[in-house]
Amino acid sequence: MTREKPYAAFNLFFFADRVIMPTTARTPGRSWISIEPVQVFNYHKKGVLTDAIEKQILLGFPQVENPSPDELIYDQDGLPAGLKSPLELKYAGTGWDEFERDSIHFCVECYPSGYVIDCWGRAANGKWSDEQSLELTLPASVGVSGLVDAIWSHLQTRKDLPGMTFELPQPKTANGA
């Protein structure tokens, strides 16, 4: 998929009680930044997550102008390292460190031939690590339902976010009740 261009891409930030999913846009400088609209929803039912991802894919991968230099944070080498006021923090109501400690981050890229899903693990300080806990490529034939199944399955393996729960099928009793 490296030679293909994505037709959509988005980040999902899972908290114990909600997901924050901003629209991801591409700049002329080939950076990706978060823009409005932002979806915030309770993901505890798989159908709600599916609907939100379908809506996000329909938004595509908008093109926006490069942020102005005064909107950027620069690293020790003087290169842009991010935005001073990331949109996600507005919706989380926290600072960046707390945002990372309280969320699980997925990045999804959509290509004509399929999907690429990345999710990061947790470092010793509780923030996101540089190591991925999931790196998965799925064929387009799985559709959005297969994409959601992969995300859902991975979330169920994560034990590093207190309060995270999922809808689970109720076991049947011997009486069939």
Protein backbone atom coordinates (compact mmCIF):
# COMPACT_ATOMS: atom_id res chain seq x y z
CA MET A 1 0.00 0.00 0.00
CA THR A 2 3.00 2.31 0.15
CA ARG A 3 2.54 3.53 -3.44
CA GLU A 4 -1.18 4.04 -3.03
CA LYS A 5 -2.54 7.29 -1.69
CA PRO A 6 -4.91 7.08 1.25
CA TYR A 7 -8.45 8.27 0.59
CA ALA A 8 -9.11 8.70 4.32
CA ALA A 9 -7.15 8.62 7.56
CA PHE A 10 -8.13 9.26 11.15
CA ASN A 11 -7.10 8.92 14.76
CA LEU A 12 -9.19 7.42 17.51
CA PHE A 13 -8.47 8.26 21.13
CA PHE A 14 -10.21 5.77 23.41
CA PHE A 15 -10.89 6.85 26.99
CA ALA A 16 -12.72 4.78 29.59
CA ASP A 17 -16.03 6.51 28.81
CA ARG A 18 -15.71 7.90 25.27
CA VAL A 19 -13.80 8.21 22.02
CA ILE A 20 -12.48 11.44 20.58
CA MET A 21 -12.16 11.20 16.79
CA PRO A 22 -11.08 14.40 15.02
CA THR A 23 -11.04 14.72 11.25
CA THR A 24 -7.52 14.25 9.93
CA ALA A 25 -6.41 16.63 7.18
CA ARG A 26 -3.26 16.79 5.09
CA THR A 27 -1.23 19.97 4.55
CA PRO A 28 0.79 20.94 1.46
CA GLY A 29 3.87 20.15 3.57
CA ARG A 30 2.49 16.58 3.84
CA SER A 31 1.85 16.86 7.56
CA TRP A 32 -1.32 15.47 9.05
CA ILE A 33 -3.26 17.63 11.48
CA SER A 34 -6.54 17.29 13.36
CA ILE A 35 -9.39 19.59 12.34
CA GLU A 36 -13.12 19.99 12.96
CA PRO A 37 -15.48 18.25 12.83
CA VAL A 38 -14.63 16.12 15.85
CA GLN A 39 -16.80 13.19 16.86
CA VAL A 40 -17.06 12.43 20.56
CA PHE A 41 -19.12 9.37 21.43
CA ASN A 42 -19.61 6.45 23.77
CA TYR A 43 -18.02 3.43 22.07
CA HIS A 44 -19.29 0.73 24.41
CA LYS A 45 -21.63 -0.59 21.73
CA LYS A 46 -19.90 -1.86 18.62
CA GLY A 47 -22.58 -0.44 16.32
CA VAL A 48 -21.92 3.11 17.57
CA LEU A 49 -18.21 2.70 16.80
CA THR A 50 -19.03 1.32 13.34
CA ASP A 51 -21.36 4.23 12.54
CA ALA A 52 -18.74 6.79 13.65
CA ILE A 53 -15.99 5.20 11.56
CA GLU A 54 -18.25 5.04 8.49
CA LYS A 55 -19.03 8.74 8.95
CA GLN A 56 -15.33 9.53 9.33
CA ILE A 57 -14.38 7.64 6.17
CA LEU A 58 -17.00 9.60 4.22
CA LEU A 59 -15.24 12.82 5.26
CA GLY A 60 -12.16 11.59 3.39
CA PHE A 61 -8.77 13.20 3.76
CA PRO A 62 -9.31 16.97 3.41
CA GLN A 63 -6.52 19.27 2.30
CA VAL A 64 -5.81 22.34 4.48
CA GLU A 65 -3.19 25.05 4.54
CA ASN A 66 -0.01 24.66 6.58
CA PRO A 67 -0.39 25.96 10.15
CA SER A 68 1.21 29.35 10.75
CA PRO A 69 4.63 29.28 12.45
CA ASP A 70 3.18 30.80 15.64
CA GLU A 71 0.77 27.80 15.96
CA LEU A 72 3.63 25.29 16.03
CA ILE A 73 5.93 23.84 18.66
CA TYR A 74 9.50 23.26 17.49
CA ASP A 75 11.92 20.52 18.54
CA GLN A 76 15.55 20.98 19.63
CA ASP A 77 16.62 21.02 15.95
CA GLY A 78 14.18 23.81 15.10
CA LEU A 79 11.81 21.52 13.19
CA PRO A 80 8.02 21.59 13.64
CA ALA A 81 7.05 19.02 16.29
CA GLY A 82 3.32 19.64 16.62
CA LEU A 83 0.67 22.21 17.36
CA LYS A 84 0.75 24.40 20.47
CA SER A 85 -2.98 23.83 21.04
CA PRO A 86 -3.93 20.39 19.71
CA LEU A 87 -7.64 20.14 18.97
CA GLU A 88 -7.91 16.84 20.86
CA LEU A 89 -7.05 18.52 24.17
CA LYS A 90 -10.01 20.88 23.83
CA TYR A 91 -12.36 17.90 23.73
CA ALA A 92 -10.56 15.96 26.47
CA GLY A 93 -10.37 18.92 28.83
CA THR A 94 -6.85 17.93 29.89
CA GLY A 95 -3.20 18.65 29.19
CA TRP A 96 -1.15 16.50 26.84
CA ASP A 97 0.49 14.28 29.50
CA GLU A 98 -2.85 13.41 31.10
CA PHE A 99 -4.39 12.91 27.65
CA GLU A 100 -1.79 10.26 26.82
CA ARG A 101 -2.05 8.52 30.20
CA ASP A 102 -5.85 8.37 29.99
CA SER A 103 -6.23 7.16 26.40
CA ILE A 104 -5.39 4.45 23.91
CA HIS A 105 -4.43 5.84 20.50
CA PHE A 106 -5.26 4.20 17.17
CA CYS A 107 -4.35 5.56 13.74
CA VAL A 108 -6.24 4.19 10.72
CA GLU A 109 -5.31 4.78 7.09
CA CYS A 110 -7.73 3.77 4.33
CA TYR A 111 -6.37 2.79 0.91
CA PRO A 112 -8.12 1.40 -2.16
CA SER A 113 -6.57 -2.02 -1.41
CA GLY A 114 -7.24 -2.03 2.34
CA TYR A 115 -6.68 -0.59 5.79
CA VAL A 116 -3.61 -0.01 7.93
CA ILE A 117 -4.23 0.07 11.70
CA ASP A 118 -1.60 1.16 14.21
CA CYS A 119 -2.03 1.35 17.97
CA TRP A 120 0.61 2.28 20.51
CA GLY A 121 1.46 0.61 23.79
CA ARG A 122 2.15 2.20 27.13
CA ALA A 123 5.57 3.30 28.40
CA ALA A 124 6.74 2.98 32.01
CA ASN A 125 5.63 6.58 32.69
CA GLY A 126 2.07 5.70 31.64
CA LYS A 127 2.20 7.71 28.41
CA TRP A 128 2.12 6.23 24.91
CA SER A 129 5.25 4.32 24.02
CA ASP A 130 7.13 4.41 20.74
CA GLU A 131 6.41 0.71 20.37
CA GLN A 132 3.22 -0.37 18.72
CA SER A 133 0.92 -2.82 20.41
CA LEU A 134 -0.89 -3.41 17.12
CA GLU A 135 0.31 -3.04 13.55
CA LEU A 136 -2.17 -4.60 11.16
CA THR A 137 -2.95 -4.48 7.45
CA LEU A 138 -6.39 -5.65 6.34
CA PRO A 139 -7.67 -6.13 2.79
CA ALA A 140 -10.44 -3.83 1.55
CA SER A 141 -12.71 -6.87 1.28
CA VAL A 142 -13.19 -6.92 5.09
CA GLY A 143 -15.02 -3.58 4.86
CA VAL A 144 -15.70 -1.28 7.76
CA SER A 145 -17.14 -4.15 9.81
CA GLY A 146 -13.81 -6.03 9.58
CA LEU A 147 -11.92 -2.86 10.46
CA VAL A 148 -14.11 -2.33 13.53
CA ASP A 149 -13.76 -6.01 14.51
CA ALA A 150 -9.95 -5.65 14.49
CA ILE A 151 -10.04 -2.49 16.62
CA TRP A 152 -12.61 -4.00 18.98
CA SER A 153 -10.61 -7.22 19.39
CA HIS A 154 -7.44 -5.31 20.19
CA LEU A 155 -9.19 -3.07 22.72
CA GLN A 156 -10.44 -6.17 24.54
CA THR A 157 -6.81 -7.26 25.06
CA ARG A 158 -5.79 -3.96 26.63
CA LYS A 159 -5.68 -3.89 30.41
CA ASP A 160 -3.97 -0.50 30.69
CA LEU A 161 -6.99 1.78 30.77
CA PRO A 162 -9.00 1.59 34.00
CA GLY A 163 -12.75 1.62 33.53
CA MET A 164 -12.73 0.41 29.93
CA THR A 165 -15.65 -2.00 29.37
CA PHE A 166 -17.40 -3.53 26.37
CA GLU A 167 -20.81 -4.95 25.57
CA LEU A 168 -20.49 -8.68 26.00
CA PRO A 169 -22.91 -11.38 24.89
CA GLN A 170 -24.89 -12.78 27.80
CA PRO A 171 -24.20 -16.47 28.40
CA LYS A 172 -27.16 -18.79 28.02
CA THR A 173 -28.09 -20.93 30.96
CA ALA A 174 -28.80 -24.64 30.81
CA ASN A 175 -32.50 -23.76 30.84
CA GLY A 176 -32.09 -21.60 27.74
CA ALA A 177 -33.19 -18.54 29.70
